[in-house]
Amino acid sequence: MQGGERRECTAPCLCVRTCIRACAQISRASALLKSPHPPLCTPRSTCAIGGAIACGGTHTAVTPLDVVKCNMQVDPKKYGGIVNGFSVVAREQGMAGIIRGWFPTLMGYSAQGAFKFGLYEYFKK
């Protein structure tokens, strides 16, 4: 990328940009208070936080679709399609059946996003 060119931002980039702005405000506030502690937000930690939020959030949002897809693969006759699959799972297992597996998905993909985007900033230099 040349000096004046700009790239389109992806969702993690937008999330990171928001975190950077928030960290800048926190840094200014701590400087005003003459705090002896350095600011908590560095570019690496900001990217790690943004990656965790972006990856964890998007993959967790898709978890119910993955539950229905897996049920359709196991028993295609019972779960005729996506809409029918959602209704069958909701009827038989309730809401807990639809959101099954959200926590491990959130933890795993949040860690992946944190390391991917946080370490990218480290190795970029």
Foldseek 3Di string as FASTA:
>chain_A
DDDPDDDDDDQLRVQLVVLVVVQVVVQVVCVVVVPPDHGPDDSLQSQLQSQLCVQLVVQLVCQLQVLLVVVCVVPVVCQVDSVSSVVVQCVPPNPCSSSPPSVVSSVVRSNVRSCVRSVCVVVVD
